[in-house]
């Protein structure tokens, strides 16, 4: 078996954006239609009813078991969808 050589880059790592921290499935989920079901590696962390002036909804927070990213899904009249 051939040995691999690892090189260490000098200096601090480049800054990460929110999309860099998310796996491919989470990135796709954030761009999905608001009625799209969560991907298979998302686990429900919390689900809270929301009372709004013109109707309520539910905000559900998910944690990805693949990358650790947190996603929110809203069903209220304002801000529906994946965040």
N, C-alpha and C. Protein backbone atom coordinates (compact mmCIF):
# COMPACT_ATOMS: atom_id res chain seq x y z
N UNK A 1 0.84 -1.17 0.00
CA UNK A 1 0.00 0.00 0.00
C UNK A 1 0.89 1.24 0.00
N UNK A 2 0.63 2.16 -0.90
CA UNK A 2 1.43 3.37 -1.01
C UNK A 2 1.08 4.34 0.11
N UNK A 3 2.10 5.02 0.61
CA UNK A 3 1.87 5.99 1.67
C UNK A 3 1.49 7.33 1.05
N UNK A 4 0.60 8.02 1.71
CA UNK A 4 0.19 9.34 1.25
C UNK A 4 0.95 10.39 2.05
N UNK A 5 1.36 11.44 1.36
CA UNK A 5 2.02 12.54 2.07
C UNK A 5 1.02 13.67 2.23
N UNK A 6 0.96 14.20 3.42
CA UNK A 6 0.05 15.29 3.71
C UNK A 6 0.85 16.57 3.88
N UNK A 7 0.40 17.64 3.24
CA UNK A 7 1.08 18.92 3.37
C UNK A 7 0.19 19.86 4.17
N UNK A 8 0.82 20.57 5.08
CA UNK A 8 0.10 21.53 5.90
C UNK A 8 0.27 22.91 5.30
N UNK A 9 -0.85 23.60 5.10
CA UNK A 9 -0.79 24.96 4.56
C UNK A 9 -0.42 25.94 5.66
N UNK A 10 0.50 26.84 5.39
CA UNK A 10 0.82 27.84 6.41
C UNK A 10 -0.29 28.87 6.53
N UNK A 11 -0.45 29.42 7.72
CA UNK A 11 -1.44 30.47 7.93
C UNK A 11 -2.79 29.93 8.34
N UNK A 12 -3.71 30.83 8.67
CA UNK A 12 -5.05 30.41 9.10
C UNK A 12 -5.87 29.89 7.92
N UNK A 13 -6.86 29.04 8.21
CA UNK A 13 -7.71 28.54 7.13
C UNK A 13 -8.57 29.66 6.56
N UNK A 14 -9.02 29.53 5.31
CA UNK A 14 -9.88 30.56 4.74
C UNK A 14 -11.21 30.60 5.48
N UNK A 15 -11.86 31.78 5.54
CA UNK A 15 -13.15 31.87 6.24
C UNK A 15 -14.21 31.03 5.54
N UNK A 16 -15.13 30.47 6.33
CA UNK A 16 -16.20 29.65 5.78
C UNK A 16 -17.48 30.45 5.69
N UNK A 17 -18.23 30.21 4.64
CA UNK A 17 -19.56 30.81 4.54
C UNK A 17 -20.58 29.77 4.97
N UNK A 18 -21.84 30.16 5.06
CA UNK A 18 -22.89 29.23 5.48
C UNK A 18 -23.02 28.07 4.49
N UNK A 19 -22.85 28.34 3.19
CA UNK A 19 -22.96 27.27 2.20
C UNK A 19 -21.80 26.30 2.28
N UNK A 20 -20.60 26.77 2.70
CA UNK A 20 -19.45 25.88 2.82
C UNK A 20 -19.67 24.86 3.93
N UNK A 21 -20.40 25.24 4.98
CA UNK A 21 -20.60 24.36 6.11
C UNK A 21 -21.66 23.29 5.82
N UNK A 22 -22.51 23.54 4.86
CA UNK A 22 -23.62 22.63 4.57
C UNK A 22 -23.23 21.59 3.53
N UNK A 23 -23.76 20.38 3.70
CA UNK A 23 -23.53 19.33 2.71
C UNK A 23 -24.36 19.62 1.45
N UNK A 24 -24.16 18.84 0.42
CA UNK A 24 -24.86 19.05 -0.85
C UNK A 24 -26.38 18.93 -0.68
N UNK A 25 -26.81 17.97 0.15
CA UNK A 25 -28.26 17.78 0.35
C UNK A 25 -28.88 18.99 1.06
N UNK A 26 -28.16 19.57 2.04
CA UNK A 26 -28.68 20.76 2.74
C UNK A 26 -28.72 21.97 1.82
N UNK A 27 -27.70 22.13 0.99
CA UNK A 27 -27.71 23.25 0.03
C UNK A 27 -28.90 23.13 -0.90
N UNK A 28 -29.19 21.91 -1.36
CA UNK A 28 -30.35 21.70 -2.22
C UNK A 28 -31.65 21.94 -1.48
N UNK A 29 -31.68 21.56 -0.20
CA UNK A 29 -32.90 21.75 0.60
C UNK A 29 -33.21 23.23 0.78
N UNK A 30 -32.18 24.06 0.98
CA UNK A 30 -32.40 25.50 1.16
C UNK A 30 -32.95 26.16 -0.10
N UNK A 31 -32.71 25.55 -1.25
CA UNK A 31 -33.20 26.10 -2.52
C UNK A 31 -34.50 25.43 -2.98
N UNK A 32 -34.99 24.48 -2.19
CA UNK A 32 -36.18 23.71 -2.57
C UNK A 32 -37.46 24.52 -2.37
N UNK A 33 -38.53 24.06 -3.03
CA UNK A 33 -39.86 24.65 -2.87
C UNK A 33 -40.28 24.51 -1.41
N UNK A 34 -41.10 25.42 -0.92
CA UNK A 34 -41.44 25.43 0.50
C UNK A 34 -42.21 24.18 0.93
N UNK A 35 -42.88 23.50 -0.01
CA UNK A 35 -43.64 22.29 0.33
C UNK A 35 -42.79 21.02 0.22
N UNK A 36 -41.55 21.15 -0.19
CA UNK A 36 -40.66 19.99 -0.35
C UNK A 36 -40.41 19.32 1.00
N UNK A 37 -40.41 17.99 1.00
CA UNK A 37 -40.15 17.24 2.23
C UNK A 37 -38.67 17.34 2.59
N UNK A 38 -38.32 17.21 3.88
CA UNK A 38 -36.92 17.28 4.29
C UNK A 38 -36.13 16.08 3.75
N UNK A 39 -34.82 16.30 3.52
CA UNK A 39 -34.01 15.18 3.02
C UNK A 39 -33.80 14.15 4.12
N UNK A 40 -33.34 12.98 3.75
CA UNK A 40 -33.33 11.81 4.64
C UNK A 40 -32.46 11.97 5.88
N UNK A 41 -31.44 12.82 5.85
CA UNK A 41 -30.52 12.93 6.98
C UNK A 41 -30.88 14.09 7.92
N UNK A 42 -32.06 14.69 7.76
CA UNK A 42 -32.49 15.77 8.65
C UNK A 42 -33.31 15.20 9.81
N UNK A 43 -32.98 15.64 11.03
CA UNK A 43 -33.66 15.20 12.23
C UNK A 43 -34.36 16.42 12.86
N UNK A 44 -35.61 16.25 13.27
CA UNK A 44 -36.36 17.33 13.90
C UNK A 44 -35.77 17.61 15.28
N UNK A 45 -35.45 18.89 15.53
CA UNK A 45 -34.92 19.30 16.83
C UNK A 45 -36.01 19.99 17.64
N UNK A 46 -36.79 20.86 16.99
CA UNK A 46 -37.86 21.57 17.68
C UNK A 46 -38.94 21.96 16.68
N UNK A 47 -40.18 21.99 17.15
CA UNK A 47 -41.30 22.42 16.32
C UNK A 47 -42.19 23.31 17.18
N UNK A 48 -42.39 24.55 16.73
CA UNK A 48 -43.10 25.54 17.52
C UNK A 48 -44.21 26.19 16.72
N UNK A 49 -45.44 26.23 17.26
CA UNK A 49 -46.49 26.98 16.58
C UNK A 49 -46.21 28.48 16.68
N UNK A 50 -46.53 29.20 15.61
CA UNK A 50 -46.29 30.64 15.56
C UNK A 50 -47.64 31.33 15.37
N UNK A 51 -47.91 32.33 16.20
CA UNK A 51 -49.15 33.10 16.09
C UNK A 51 -48.81 34.42 15.41
N UNK A 52 -49.48 34.68 14.29
CA UNK A 52 -49.27 35.92 13.54
C UNK A 52 -50.59 36.67 13.45
N UNK A 53 -50.52 37.93 13.11
CA UNK A 53 -51.72 38.77 13.04
C UNK A 53 -52.72 38.26 12.00
N UNK A 54 -52.25 37.73 10.89
CA UNK A 54 -53.15 37.31 9.81
C UNK A 54 -53.17 35.80 9.62
N UNK A 55 -52.88 35.04 10.65
CA UNK A 55 -52.88 33.59 10.55
C UNK A 55 -51.58 33.03 11.09
N UNK A 56 -51.64 31.84 11.60
CA UNK A 56 -50.47 31.23 12.22
C UNK A 56 -49.77 30.24 11.32
N UNK A 57 -48.79 29.61 11.87
CA UNK A 57 -48.03 28.61 11.15
C UNK A 57 -47.20 27.81 12.13
N UNK A 58 -46.28 27.04 11.60
CA UNK A 58 -45.39 26.22 12.42
C UNK A 58 -43.97 26.43 11.92
N UNK A 59 -43.05 26.65 12.86
CA UNK A 59 -41.63 26.71 12.53
C UNK A 59 -40.98 25.46 13.09
N UNK A 60 -40.32 24.71 12.22
CA UNK A 60 -39.65 23.49 12.63
C UNK A 60 -38.17 23.62 12.36
N UNK A 61 -37.37 23.29 13.37
CA UNK A 61 -35.91 23.36 13.23
C UNK A 61 -35.38 21.94 13.06
N UNK A 62 -34.51 21.76 12.06
CA UNK A 62 -33.92 20.47 11.74
C UNK A 62 -32.41 20.54 11.91
N UNK A 63 -31.80 19.41 12.27
CA UNK A 63 -30.36 19.27 12.34
C UNK A 63 -29.95 18.19 11.36
N UNK A 64 -28.96 18.48 10.52
CA UNK A 64 -28.49 17.50 9.54
C UNK A 64 -27.50 16.55 10.23
N UNK A 65 -27.75 15.27 10.12
CA UNK A 65 -26.87 14.27 10.72
C UNK A 65 -25.60 14.06 9.90
N UNK A 66 -25.57 14.60 8.69
CA UNK A 66 -24.41 14.47 7.81
C UNK A 66 -23.38 15.57 8.08
N UNK A 67 -23.82 16.83 8.11
CA UNK A 67 -22.87 17.95 8.20
C UNK A 67 -23.05 18.80 9.46
N UNK A 68 -24.14 18.60 10.21
CA UNK A 68 -24.37 19.37 11.42
C UNK A 68 -25.02 20.72 11.19
N UNK A 69 -25.42 21.01 9.94
CA UNK A 69 -26.05 22.29 9.61
C UNK A 69 -27.47 22.31 10.18
N UNK A 70 -27.93 23.48 10.60
CA UNK A 70 -29.29 23.65 11.11
C UNK A 70 -30.15 24.34 10.05
N UNK A 71 -31.31 23.77 9.77
CA UNK A 71 -32.26 24.33 8.81
C UNK A 71 -33.58 24.61 9.50
N UNK A 72 -34.26 25.67 9.06
CA UNK A 72 -35.58 26.00 9.57
C UNK A 72 -36.59 25.85 8.44
N UNK A 73 -37.77 25.35 8.78
CA UNK A 73 -38.87 25.28 7.82
C UNK A 73 -40.06 26.01 8.42
N UNK A 74 -40.58 26.99 7.68
CA UNK A 74 -41.70 27.81 8.15
C UNK A 74 -42.93 27.56 7.28
N UNK A 75 -44.10 27.48 7.92
CA UNK A 75 -45.35 27.30 7.17
C UNK A 75 -46.30 28.47 7.34
N UNK A 76 -45.86 29.55 7.97
CA UNK A 76 -46.72 30.72 8.15
C UNK A 76 -46.92 31.48 6.85
N UNK A 77 -47.77 32.49 6.90
CA UNK A 77 -48.05 33.28 5.70
C UNK A 77 -46.85 34.10 5.26
N UNK A 78 -46.02 34.51 6.21
CA UNK A 78 -44.85 35.32 5.89
C UNK A 78 -43.60 34.47 6.11
N UNK A 79 -42.75 34.38 5.14
CA UNK A 79 -41.51 33.62 5.27
C UNK A 79 -41.67 32.13 5.13
N UNK A 80 -42.61 31.69 4.30
CA UNK A 80 -42.79 30.26 4.08
C UNK A 80 -41.55 29.68 3.43
N UNK A 81 -41.19 28.47 3.83
CA UNK A 81 -40.13 27.77 3.13
C UNK A 81 -38.98 27.35 4.01
N UNK A 82 -37.89 26.98 3.35
CA UNK A 82 -36.67 26.51 4.00
C UNK A 82 -35.70 27.66 4.17
N UNK A 83 -35.16 27.79 5.37
CA UNK A 83 -34.21 28.86 5.66
C UNK A 83 -32.97 28.26 6.28
